[in-house]
Amino acid sequence: MGIQRKLPPSNEQRNKALDVAKKKKDTVPPADNVVTPATGVRLDAIQPLYKAGMLDVGVKLAAQSASTAVVKTTMAKARMYVSHFFQSFNNGVDRGMFPAADRAFYQLDVNSNSVPSLDSEALVILWGERIRDGDALRVAAGGAAMAMPTAAEVNVQLTAFVTANNDQSTKKLAYDHAQEAVDALNPEADGVIKKLWDEAETFYNEEPIASRRRKCREWGVVYISDIPNIIHLTVLNVADDSPLFEADAEVTETGDHFLTDGAGKTDVKTTLAEQATLHVTHADFVAQDAVVDFTAGGHEFTVVVKLVHV
């Protein structure tokens, strides 16, 4: 079985690696500090910058997500008003209230009573604007006013949707910029992580292999195996041993997440070598960590975690 280091492949894991190393460096006695002064200076500089950048990404993503929800709501309403306008207008044509030729004011086929496709944001805006502009021209030319809804009512919903859509675009751009700012830190972050992992392994190079890897893991070093391990996890309520649905089990070292099913079970698959830490959470329950030792042999492990209700 081959075991090797795996440097962080994602920004989330880079952030975690830097955070673990910084906390470890700041709390160990000088004699146990594996990091050279030069690397320590680099770590002290990059870690707070990276952490702040990742926090900003989270803030910007939350703002974008909130704006997306508003876009969905306002788009649905604008689509409904646009659709109802054309349906009402076509009904008016059928009753002889409006001439079929007046469909041309909205750039519709004068011989068709079909409602135009509104399957995209662009189409909702396009036809909403054609109602706004075309109905004004139609009424100015002597056409009877529309109702249920009026063009003005359609325009209120269209304006709300366009405003929300523009706001979402602004927040998406801010989120993209926040991600790019973190990405710009990656060359230095990767260099520092590799350097301090090298220094940790050098510091403990006279230890037995298993001991060396265990101590290096405390500095954030991640080791993987070429043979995956499977953890059969069950999450229960400690009060009555009832299963907890959709408990979240995060593999701390890699950031991978697994959700339990209705029986409180999930299979956590990982290539981590020798040890994995599961951070188990569920709404209204106290989070709990479970350390799984792979050194006992075999590649399948059964773990039961019982959470305490808050």
Protein backbone atom coordinates (compact mmCIF):
# COMPACT_ATOMS: atom_id res chain seq x y z
CA MET A 1 0.00 0.00 0.00
CA GLY A 2 1.48 3.33 -1.07
CA ILE A 3 1.09 6.42 1.14
CA GLN A 4 1.97 9.89 -0.02
CA ARG A 5 1.31 13.53 0.76
CA LYS A 6 -1.46 15.38 -0.99
CA LEU A 7 -1.18 19.15 -1.22
CA PRO A 8 -4.47 21.09 -1.02
CA PRO A 9 -6.33 20.99 -4.36
CA SER A 10 -8.93 23.66 -3.51
CA ASN A 11 -9.03 27.12 -1.96
CA GLU A 12 -11.07 25.81 0.96
CA GLN A 13 -8.39 23.22 1.73
CA ARG A 14 -5.59 25.76 1.29
CA ASN A 15 -7.35 27.96 3.84
CA LYS A 16 -7.67 25.02 6.21
CA ALA A 17 -4.00 24.01 5.80
CA LEU A 18 -2.77 27.54 6.48
CA ASP A 19 -5.10 27.91 9.46
CA VAL A 20 -4.02 24.62 11.05
CA ALA A 21 -0.33 25.44 10.60
CA LYS A 22 -0.71 28.99 11.96
CA LYS A 23 -2.59 27.84 15.06
CA LYS A 24 -0.05 25.09 15.68
CA LYS A 25 2.93 27.42 15.24
CA ASP A 26 1.44 30.02 17.56
CA THR A 27 0.79 27.55 20.40
CA VAL A 28 3.76 25.16 20.52
CA PRO A 29 6.89 25.88 22.58
CA PRO A 30 9.83 27.18 20.52
CA ALA A 31 11.65 23.85 20.83
CA ASP A 32 8.72 22.06 19.16
CA ASN A 33 8.26 24.57 16.37
CA VAL A 34 8.99 22.78 13.08
CA VAL A 35 8.81 25.96 11.00
CA THR A 36 11.96 27.90 10.19
CA PRO A 37 11.92 31.66 10.92
CA ALA A 38 11.76 32.55 7.23
CA THR A 39 8.82 30.25 6.58
CA GLY A 40 7.16 31.48 9.77
CA VAL A 41 7.30 35.07 8.49
CA ARG A 42 5.71 34.00 5.21
CA LEU A 43 3.03 32.00 7.02
CA ASP A 44 2.21 34.92 9.32
CA ALA A 45 1.81 37.15 6.26
CA ILE A 46 -0.25 34.91 3.96
CA GLN A 47 -2.56 33.18 6.46
CA PRO A 48 -4.56 36.24 7.60
CA LEU A 49 -4.76 37.52 4.03
CA TYR A 50 -6.04 34.18 2.76
CA LYS A 51 -8.51 33.82 5.62
CA ALA A 52 -9.87 37.32 5.03
CA GLY A 53 -10.15 36.60 1.32
CA MET A 54 -12.10 33.41 1.92
CA LEU A 55 -14.41 35.18 4.36
CA ASP A 56 -15.05 37.85 1.72
CA VAL A 57 -15.85 35.12 -0.83
CA GLY A 58 -18.42 33.74 1.60
CA VAL A 59 -20.00 37.16 2.17
CA LYS A 60 -20.18 37.85 -1.55
CA LEU A 61 -21.62 34.40 -2.29
CA ALA A 62 -24.32 34.89 0.35
CA ALA A 63 -25.25 38.23 -1.21
CA GLN A 64 -25.35 36.68 -4.68
CA SER A 65 -27.51 33.80 -3.46
CA ALA A 66 -29.96 36.20 -1.82
CA SER A 67 -30.20 38.25 -5.01
CA THR A 68 -30.76 35.09 -7.04
CA ALA A 69 -33.80 34.26 -4.90
CA VAL A 70 -35.20 37.74 -5.57
CA VAL A 71 -34.61 37.33 -9.31
CA LYS A 72 -36.52 34.05 -9.35
CA THR A 73 -39.49 35.59 -7.55
CA THR A 74 -39.64 38.76 -9.62
CA MET A 75 -39.08 36.91 -12.89
CA ALA A 76 -41.94 34.52 -12.16
CA LYS A 77 -44.27 37.43 -11.48
CA ALA A 78 -43.13 39.41 -14.52
CA ARG A 79 -43.56 36.33 -16.72
CA MET A 80 -47.08 35.82 -15.38
CA TYR A 81 -48.07 39.45 -16.05
CA VAL A 82 -46.62 39.41 -19.57
CA SER A 83 -48.38 36.13 -20.35
CA HIS A 84 -51.68 37.34 -18.90
CA PHE A 85 -51.43 40.58 -20.89
CA PHE A 86 -51.14 38.73 -24.19
CA GLN A 87 -53.82 36.24 -23.20
CA SER A 88 -56.21 39.09 -22.31
CA PHE A 89 -55.36 40.96 -25.48
CA ASN A 90 -56.02 37.87 -27.61
CA ASN A 91 -59.31 37.33 -25.79
CA GLY A 92 -60.18 40.93 -26.61
CA VAL A 93 -59.42 40.25 -30.29
CA ASP A 94 -61.73 37.23 -30.18
CA ARG A 95 -64.50 39.41 -28.70
CA GLY A 96 -63.95 42.12 -31.34
CA MET A 97 -62.70 44.64 -28.78
CA PHE A 98 -59.30 44.95 -30.47
CA PRO A 99 -58.50 44.47 -34.18
CA ALA A 100 -56.14 41.59 -34.88
CA ALA A 101 -53.91 44.03 -36.76
CA ASP A 102 -53.10 45.74 -33.45
CA ARG A 103 -50.94 42.75 -32.52
CA ALA A 104 -48.33 44.39 -34.73
CA PHE A 105 -47.84 47.09 -32.09
CA TYR A 106 -46.28 44.37 -29.91
CA GLN A 107 -44.40 42.81 -32.87
CA LEU A 108 -46.65 39.76 -32.70
CA ASP A 109 -47.89 37.75 -35.68
CA VAL A 110 -51.21 39.42 -36.50
CA ASN A 111 -52.70 36.10 -37.61
CA SER A 112 -51.78 34.11 -34.48
CA ASN A 113 -53.25 34.16 -31.01
CA SER A 114 -50.26 32.33 -29.51
CA VAL A 115 -48.55 33.75 -26.45
CA PRO A 116 -44.82 34.22 -27.20
CA SER A 117 -42.25 32.04 -25.50
CA LEU A 118 -41.18 33.35 -22.10
CA ASP A 119 -38.71 30.59 -21.25
CA SER A 120 -35.73 32.80 -20.47
CA GLU A 121 -34.90 36.02 -18.67
CA ALA A 122 -34.09 37.70 -21.95
CA LEU A 123 -37.47 36.76 -23.47
CA VAL A 124 -39.42 38.00 -20.43
CA ILE A 125 -37.60 41.35 -20.68
CA LEU A 126 -37.99 41.51 -24.47
CA TRP A 127 -41.76 40.95 -24.49
CA GLY A 128 -42.28 43.06 -21.37
CA GLU A 129 -40.58 45.98 -23.11
CA ARG A 130 -42.64 45.41 -26.26
CA ILE A 131 -45.81 45.63 -24.16
CA ARG A 132 -44.58 48.81 -22.46
CA ASP A 133 -43.60 50.55 -25.71
CA GLY A 134 -46.15 49.03 -28.06
CA ASP A 135 -49.23 49.58 -25.91
CA ALA A 136 -48.47 53.29 -25.57
CA LEU A 137 -48.31 53.58 -29.35
CA ARG A 138 -51.48 51.52 -29.80
CA VAL A 139 -53.51 53.65 -27.39
CA ALA A 140 -52.09 56.86 -28.91
CA ALA A 141 -53.33 55.60 -32.27
CA GLY A 142 -56.86 55.33 -30.86
CA GLY A 143 -56.86 51.80 -29.55
CA ALA A 144 -58.97 50.87 -26.54
CA ALA A 145 -57.11 50.69 -23.24
CA MET A 146 -56.12 47.23 -21.97
CA ALA A 147 -57.01 45.92 -18.52
CA MET A 148 -56.43 42.86 -16.37
CA PRO A 149 -53.54 43.63 -16.50
CA THR A 150 -52.81 47.07 -17.88
CA ALA A 151 -49.51 47.79 -19.62
CA ALA A 152 -48.58 49.96 -16.63
CA GLU A 153 -49.13 47.02 -14.27
CA VAL A 154 -46.98 44.83 -16.49
CA ASN A 155 -44.29 47.50 -16.46
CA VAL A 156 -44.26 47.62 -12.64
CA GLN A 157 -43.46 43.91 -12.53
CA LEU A 158 -40.99 44.19 -15.40
CA THR A 159 -39.15 47.04 -13.67
CA ALA A 160 -38.92 45.05 -10.43
CA PHE A 161 -37.50 42.08 -12.35
CA VAL A 162 -34.98 44.15 -14.33
CA THR A 163 -33.83 45.90 -11.15
CA ALA A 164 -33.38 42.56 -9.38
CA ASN A 165 -31.61 41.11 -12.42
CA ASN A 166 -29.17 44.03 -12.56
CA ASP A 167 -28.54 43.75 -8.83
CA GLN A 168 -27.81 40.05 -9.21
CA SER A 169 -25.33 40.79 -12.01
CA THR A 170 -23.55 43.31 -9.80
CA LYS A 171 -23.36 40.86 -6.91
CA LYS A 172 -22.20 38.03 -9.18
CA LEU A 173 -19.41 40.27 -10.45
CA ALA A 174 -18.42 41.10 -6.86
CA TYR A 175 -18.34 37.38 -6.03
CA ASP A 176 -16.19 36.67 -9.10
CA HIS A 177 -13.77 39.42 -8.09
CA ALA A 178 -13.55 38.04 -4.55
CA GLN A 179 -12.71 34.60 -5.91
CA GLU A 180 -10.12 36.07 -8.25
CA ALA A 181 -8.53 37.93 -5.32
CA VAL A 182 -8.11 34.65 -3.44
CA ASP A 183 -6.82 32.88 -6.55
CA ALA A 184 -4.15 35.58 -6.87
CA LEU A 185 -2.85 34.51 -3.44
CA ASN A 186 -2.56 30.83 -4.42
CA PRO A 187 1.04 30.83 -5.71
CA GLU A 188 2.33 32.14 -2.37
CA ALA A 189 -0.11 30.00 -0.37
CA ASP A 190 0.96 26.86 -2.21
CA GLY A 191 4.62 27.73 -1.78
CA VAL A 192 4.24 28.31 1.97
CA ILE A 193 2.21 25.14 2.50
CA LYS A 194 4.72 22.98 0.63
CA LYS A 195 7.64 24.62 2.44
CA LEU A 196 6.22 24.14 5.93
CA TRP A 197 5.11 20.57 5.17
CA ASP A 198 8.67 19.84 3.99
CA GLU A 199 10.03 21.39 7.16
CA ALA A 200 7.66 19.37 9.36
CA GLU A 201 8.73 16.12 7.73
CA THR A 202 12.39 17.11 8.05
CA PHE A 203 11.93 18.02 11.72
CA TYR A 204 10.51 14.56 12.47
CA ASN A 205 12.64 12.59 10.00
CA GLU A 206 14.25 10.47 12.72
CA GLU A 207 10.88 9.32 14.05
CA PRO A 208 9.33 5.98 13.01
CA ILE A 209 7.23 6.49 9.87
CA ALA A 210 3.84 6.17 11.58
CA SER A 211 4.88 8.54 14.36
CA ARG A 212 6.33 11.03 11.88
CA ARG A 213 3.11 11.13 9.86
CA ARG A 214 0.97 11.44 13.00
CA LYS A 215 2.98 14.43 14.22
CA CYS A 216 3.04 16.03 10.77
CA ARG A 217 -0.76 15.71 10.53
CA GLU A 218 -0.94 18.01 13.57
CA TRP A 219 0.67 20.66 11.35
CA GLY A 220 -1.94 20.09 8.66
CA VAL A 221 -0.06 17.63 6.44
CA VAL A 222 -2.48 15.36 4.59
CA TYR A 223 -1.52 11.82 3.64
CA ILE A 224 -3.47 9.65 1.21
CA SER A 225 -3.37 5.99 0.31
CA ASP A 226 -3.72 4.32 -3.07
CA ILE A 227 -6.37 2.07 -1.49
CA PRO A 228 -9.56 3.87 -0.42
CA ASN A 229 -11.19 3.36 2.95
CA ILE A 230 -14.92 3.23 3.59
CA ILE A 231 -16.46 4.39 6.85
CA HIS A 232 -19.99 3.07 7.43
CA LEU A 233 -21.30 5.93 9.54
CA THR A 234 -24.51 5.97 11.56
CA VAL A 235 -25.68 9.14 13.30
CA LEU A 236 -28.23 8.82 16.10
CA ASN A 237 -30.00 10.98 18.65
CA VAL A 238 -28.39 10.05 21.96
CA ALA A 239 -31.71 10.49 23.78
CA ASP A 240 -33.51 7.59 22.11
CA ASP A 241 -31.14 6.17 19.48
CA SER A 242 -33.43 7.43 16.71
CA PRO A 243 -31.68 8.01 13.36
CA LEU A 244 -30.86 11.56 12.30
CA PHE A 245 -31.75 12.33 8.68
CA GLU A 246 -29.40 14.62 6.73
CA ALA A 247 -26.74 14.83 9.40
CA ASP A 248 -23.64 16.28 7.74
CA ALA A 249 -20.36 14.42 8.10
CA GLU A 250 -17.38 16.49 6.94
CA VAL A 251 -14.00 14.85 6.49
CA THR A 252 -11.99 17.53 8.25
CA GLU A 253 -8.74 16.87 6.40
CA THR A 254 -10.25 17.10 2.90
CA GLY A 255 -13.46 19.12 3.29
CA ASP A 256 -15.59 16.38 1.70
CA HIS A 257 -19.20 16.20 2.92
CA PHE A 258 -21.57 13.24 3.26
CA LEU A 259 -25.27 13.38 4.30
CA THR A 260 -27.04 10.61 6.17
CA ASP A 261 -30.18 8.98 4.81
CA GLY A 262 -33.48 8.30 6.56
CA ALA A 263 -31.85 5.54 8.58
CA GLY A 264 -29.15 7.95 9.76
CA LYS A 265 -26.55 6.17 7.64
CA THR A 266 -24.00 7.17 5.02
CA ASP A 267 -20.85 5.65 3.55
CA VAL A 268 -17.90 7.99 3.83
CA LYS A 269 -15.35 7.14 1.15
CA THR A 270 -11.86 8.57 1.52
CA THR A 271 -8.31 7.93 0.39
CA LEU A 272 -6.89 9.41 3.59
CA ALA A 273 -4.17 7.23 5.06
CA GLU A 274 -4.00 5.99 8.65
CA GLN A 275 -6.57 8.39 10.11
CA ALA A 276 -9.57 10.55 9.29
CA THR A 277 -11.54 12.99 11.40
CA LEU A 278 -15.30 13.28 10.86
CA HIS A 279 -16.97 16.49 11.98
CA VAL A 280 -20.62 15.51 12.40
CA THR A 281 -23.30 18.21 12.58
CA HIS A 282 -27.08 18.41 12.54
CA ALA A 283 -29.47 21.30 13.14
CA ASP A 284 -30.26 21.77 16.84
CA PHE A 285 -27.66 19.21 17.92
CA VAL A 286 -24.20 19.67 19.40
CA ALA A 287 -21.51 18.97 16.80
CA GLN A 288 -19.17 16.08 17.48
CA ASP A 289 -15.84 14.91 16.06
CA ALA A 290 -15.04 11.25 15.49
CA VAL A 291 -11.45 10.19 14.79
CA VAL A 292 -11.28 7.00 12.73
CA ASP A 293 -8.05 4.99 12.97
CA PHE A 294 -7.28 3.02 9.80
CA THR A 295 -4.13 1.34 11.14
CA ALA A 296 -5.96 -1.59 12.73
CA GLY A 297 -6.22 -3.27 9.33
CA GLY A 298 -8.89 -3.69 6.70
CA HIS A 299 -10.49 -0.95 4.61
CA GLU A 300 -14.05 -0.85 5.92
CA PHE A 301 -14.91 0.65 9.30
CA THR A 302 -18.15 1.02 11.23
CA VAL A 303 -18.65 4.19 13.27
CA VAL A 304 -21.68 5.24 15.31
CA VAL A 305 -21.96 8.87 16.43
CA LYS A 306 -24.62 9.91 18.92
CA LEU A 307 -25.44 13.61 19.04
CA VAL A 308 -26.88 15.53 21.97
CA HIS A 309 -29.85 17.82 21.33
CA VAL A 310 -29.26 21.45 22.22
